[in-house]
């Protein structure tokens, strides 16, 4: 379990590795917001910036 802060991204490892989702989210606050994006749209948007995409790939390998 982890407590995440603003700007934290989760679940991207499963998208990168093309596997079933392994991350669940529980909101402990009544004032939080969670945004989600379809897998294909996520990949398209993240690949727009090569540095961002490289960071996502690297972080996915570290967490595995």
N, C-alpha and C. Protein backbone atom coordinates (compact mmCIF):
# COMPACT_ATOMS: atom_id res chain seq x y z
N UNK A 1 0.85 -1.17 0.00
CA UNK A 1 0.00 0.00 0.00
C UNK A 1 0.90 1.24 0.00
N UNK A 2 0.44 2.27 -0.69
CA UNK A 2 1.18 3.52 -0.75
C UNK A 2 0.21 4.69 -0.70
N UNK A 3 0.66 5.76 -0.13
CA UNK A 3 -0.10 7.01 -0.17
C UNK A 3 0.52 7.85 -1.27
N UNK A 4 -0.31 8.28 -2.19
CA UNK A 4 0.20 9.04 -3.33
C UNK A 4 -0.17 10.51 -3.20
N UNK A 5 0.60 11.32 -3.88
CA UNK A 5 0.38 12.76 -3.85
C UNK A 5 0.05 13.28 -5.24
N UNK A 6 -0.21 14.54 -5.32
CA UNK A 6 -0.56 15.18 -6.58
C UNK A 6 0.48 14.88 -7.66
N UNK A 7 0.00 14.51 -8.83
CA UNK A 7 0.88 14.26 -9.96
C UNK A 7 1.43 12.85 -10.04
N UNK A 8 1.12 12.01 -9.06
CA UNK A 8 1.62 10.65 -9.05
C UNK A 8 0.88 9.82 -10.09
N UNK A 9 1.62 8.98 -10.80
CA UNK A 9 1.02 8.13 -11.83
C UNK A 9 1.11 6.69 -11.36
N UNK A 10 0.03 5.94 -11.51
CA UNK A 10 0.06 4.53 -11.13
C UNK A 10 -0.65 3.69 -12.17
N UNK A 11 -0.24 2.44 -12.26
CA UNK A 11 -0.83 1.52 -13.21
C UNK A 11 -0.14 1.50 -14.56
N UNK A 12 0.79 2.41 -14.78
CA UNK A 12 1.44 2.49 -16.09
C UNK A 12 2.31 1.26 -16.37
N UNK A 13 2.81 0.59 -15.33
CA UNK A 13 3.62 -0.59 -15.53
C UNK A 13 2.83 -1.67 -16.26
N UNK A 14 1.57 -1.82 -15.88
CA UNK A 14 0.72 -2.84 -16.51
C UNK A 14 0.45 -2.50 -17.97
N UNK A 15 0.30 -1.22 -18.27
CA UNK A 15 0.09 -0.80 -19.66
C UNK A 15 1.33 -1.10 -20.49
N UNK A 16 2.48 -0.73 -19.98
CA UNK A 16 3.74 -0.93 -20.69
C UNK A 16 4.01 -2.41 -20.93
N UNK A 17 3.70 -3.23 -19.94
CA UNK A 17 3.97 -4.67 -20.04
C UNK A 17 2.81 -5.46 -20.63
N UNK A 18 1.77 -4.73 -21.04
CA UNK A 18 0.60 -5.33 -21.70
C UNK A 18 0.06 -6.52 -20.89
N UNK A 19 -0.23 -6.26 -19.63
CA UNK A 19 -0.75 -7.31 -18.77
C UNK A 19 -2.02 -6.80 -18.06
N UNK A 20 -2.73 -7.71 -17.43
CA UNK A 20 -3.91 -7.32 -16.67
C UNK A 20 -3.50 -6.36 -15.55
N UNK A 21 -4.40 -5.49 -15.19
CA UNK A 21 -4.10 -4.50 -14.16
C UNK A 21 -3.86 -5.17 -12.80
N UNK A 22 -2.84 -4.70 -12.12
CA UNK A 22 -2.48 -5.24 -10.81
C UNK A 22 -2.59 -4.19 -9.71
N UNK A 23 -3.03 -2.99 -10.07
CA UNK A 23 -3.11 -1.88 -9.12
C UNK A 23 -4.57 -1.55 -8.82
N UNK A 24 -4.87 -1.39 -7.55
CA UNK A 24 -6.19 -0.94 -7.11
C UNK A 24 -6.04 0.39 -6.41
N UNK A 25 -7.10 1.17 -6.40
CA UNK A 25 -7.06 2.48 -5.78
C UNK A 25 -8.22 2.61 -4.81
N UNK A 26 -7.92 3.14 -3.63
CA UNK A 26 -8.94 3.46 -2.64
C UNK A 26 -8.71 4.91 -2.23
N UNK A 27 -9.75 5.69 -2.30
CA UNK A 27 -9.65 7.09 -1.92
C UNK A 27 -10.06 7.24 -0.46
N UNK A 28 -9.17 7.85 0.32
CA UNK A 28 -9.43 8.04 1.74
C UNK A 28 -9.95 9.44 2.05
N UNK A 29 -10.09 10.26 1.05
CA UNK A 29 -10.51 11.64 1.24
C UNK A 29 -11.77 11.93 0.44
N UNK A 30 -12.55 12.86 0.91
CA UNK A 30 -13.75 13.26 0.17
C UNK A 30 -13.45 14.38 -0.82
N UNK A 31 -12.23 14.88 -0.81
CA UNK A 31 -11.90 16.01 -1.68
C UNK A 31 -10.84 15.67 -2.73
N UNK A 32 -10.54 14.41 -2.93
CA UNK A 32 -9.53 14.00 -3.91
C UNK A 32 -10.14 13.83 -5.29
N UNK A 33 -9.27 13.83 -6.28
CA UNK A 33 -9.68 13.59 -7.67
C UNK A 33 -8.76 12.54 -8.26
N UNK A 34 -9.34 11.63 -8.99
CA UNK A 34 -8.59 10.60 -9.69
C UNK A 34 -8.96 10.69 -11.16
N UNK A 35 -7.97 10.78 -12.00
CA UNK A 35 -8.19 10.83 -13.43
C UNK A 35 -7.72 9.54 -14.05
N UNK A 36 -8.47 9.08 -15.03
CA UNK A 36 -8.06 7.87 -15.74
C UNK A 36 -8.07 8.14 -17.25
N UNK A 37 -7.33 7.32 -17.96
CA UNK A 37 -7.21 7.48 -19.40
C UNK A 37 -7.13 6.09 -20.02
N UNK A 38 -7.70 5.94 -21.19
CA UNK A 38 -7.64 4.66 -21.89
C UNK A 38 -6.19 4.34 -22.23
N UNK A 39 -5.89 3.06 -22.26
CA UNK A 39 -4.52 2.59 -22.52
C UNK A 39 -3.94 3.16 -23.81
N UNK A 40 -4.66 3.06 -24.90
CA UNK A 40 -4.14 3.52 -26.19
C UNK A 40 -3.90 5.03 -26.20
N UNK A 41 -4.80 5.78 -25.58
CA UNK A 41 -4.64 7.23 -25.51
C UNK A 41 -3.45 7.59 -24.64
N UNK A 42 -3.25 6.87 -23.55
CA UNK A 42 -2.10 7.09 -22.68
C UNK A 42 -0.80 6.93 -23.46
N UNK A 43 -0.70 5.84 -24.21
CA UNK A 43 0.52 5.57 -24.99
C UNK A 43 0.75 6.67 -26.02
N UNK A 44 -0.28 7.06 -26.74
CA UNK A 44 -0.14 8.12 -27.75
C UNK A 44 0.35 9.41 -27.10
N UNK A 45 -0.28 9.80 -26.02
CA UNK A 45 0.08 11.06 -25.36
C UNK A 45 1.50 11.03 -24.78
N UNK A 46 1.86 9.94 -24.15
CA UNK A 46 3.17 9.86 -23.53
C UNK A 46 4.30 9.78 -24.55
N UNK A 47 4.03 9.16 -25.69
CA UNK A 47 5.05 9.04 -26.73
C UNK A 47 5.30 10.36 -27.46
N UNK A 48 4.47 11.35 -27.24
CA UNK A 48 4.68 12.66 -27.87
C UNK A 48 5.98 13.29 -27.42
N UNK A 49 6.42 12.94 -26.23
CA UNK A 49 7.68 13.47 -25.70
C UNK A 49 8.60 12.28 -25.42
N UNK A 50 9.69 12.20 -26.17
CA UNK A 50 10.60 11.05 -26.06
C UNK A 50 11.17 10.90 -24.66
N UNK A 51 11.48 12.02 -24.00
CA UNK A 51 12.04 11.95 -22.65
C UNK A 51 11.01 11.40 -21.66
N UNK A 52 9.79 11.83 -21.78
CA UNK A 52 8.72 11.34 -20.91
C UNK A 52 8.53 9.85 -21.11
N UNK A 53 8.46 9.42 -22.35
CA UNK A 53 8.25 8.00 -22.66
C UNK A 53 9.41 7.16 -22.10
N UNK A 54 10.62 7.64 -22.24
CA UNK A 54 11.79 6.94 -21.73
C UNK A 54 11.73 6.81 -20.21
N UNK A 55 11.31 7.86 -19.53
CA UNK A 55 11.17 7.82 -18.07
C UNK A 55 10.12 6.81 -17.64
N UNK A 56 9.02 6.76 -18.37
CA UNK A 56 7.95 5.80 -18.05
C UNK A 56 8.45 4.37 -18.23
N UNK A 57 9.16 4.11 -19.31
CA UNK A 57 9.71 2.77 -19.55
C UNK A 57 10.68 2.40 -18.44
N UNK A 58 11.58 3.31 -18.10
CA UNK A 58 12.56 3.04 -17.04
C UNK A 58 11.90 2.79 -15.69
N UNK A 59 10.92 3.60 -15.34
CA UNK A 59 10.26 3.41 -14.04
C UNK A 59 9.48 2.10 -14.01
N UNK A 60 8.96 1.68 -15.14
CA UNK A 60 8.24 0.41 -15.21
C UNK A 60 9.17 -0.77 -14.99
N UNK A 61 10.39 -0.66 -15.47
CA UNK A 61 11.36 -1.75 -15.29
C UNK A 61 11.84 -1.81 -13.85
N UNK A 62 11.98 -0.67 -13.22
CA UNK A 62 12.44 -0.63 -11.84
C UNK A 62 11.42 -1.26 -10.89
N UNK A 63 10.14 -0.99 -11.13
CA UNK A 63 9.09 -1.47 -10.23
C UNK A 63 8.81 -2.95 -10.36
N UNK A 64 9.26 -3.56 -11.43
CA UNK A 64 8.93 -4.96 -11.67
C UNK A 64 9.76 -5.86 -10.87
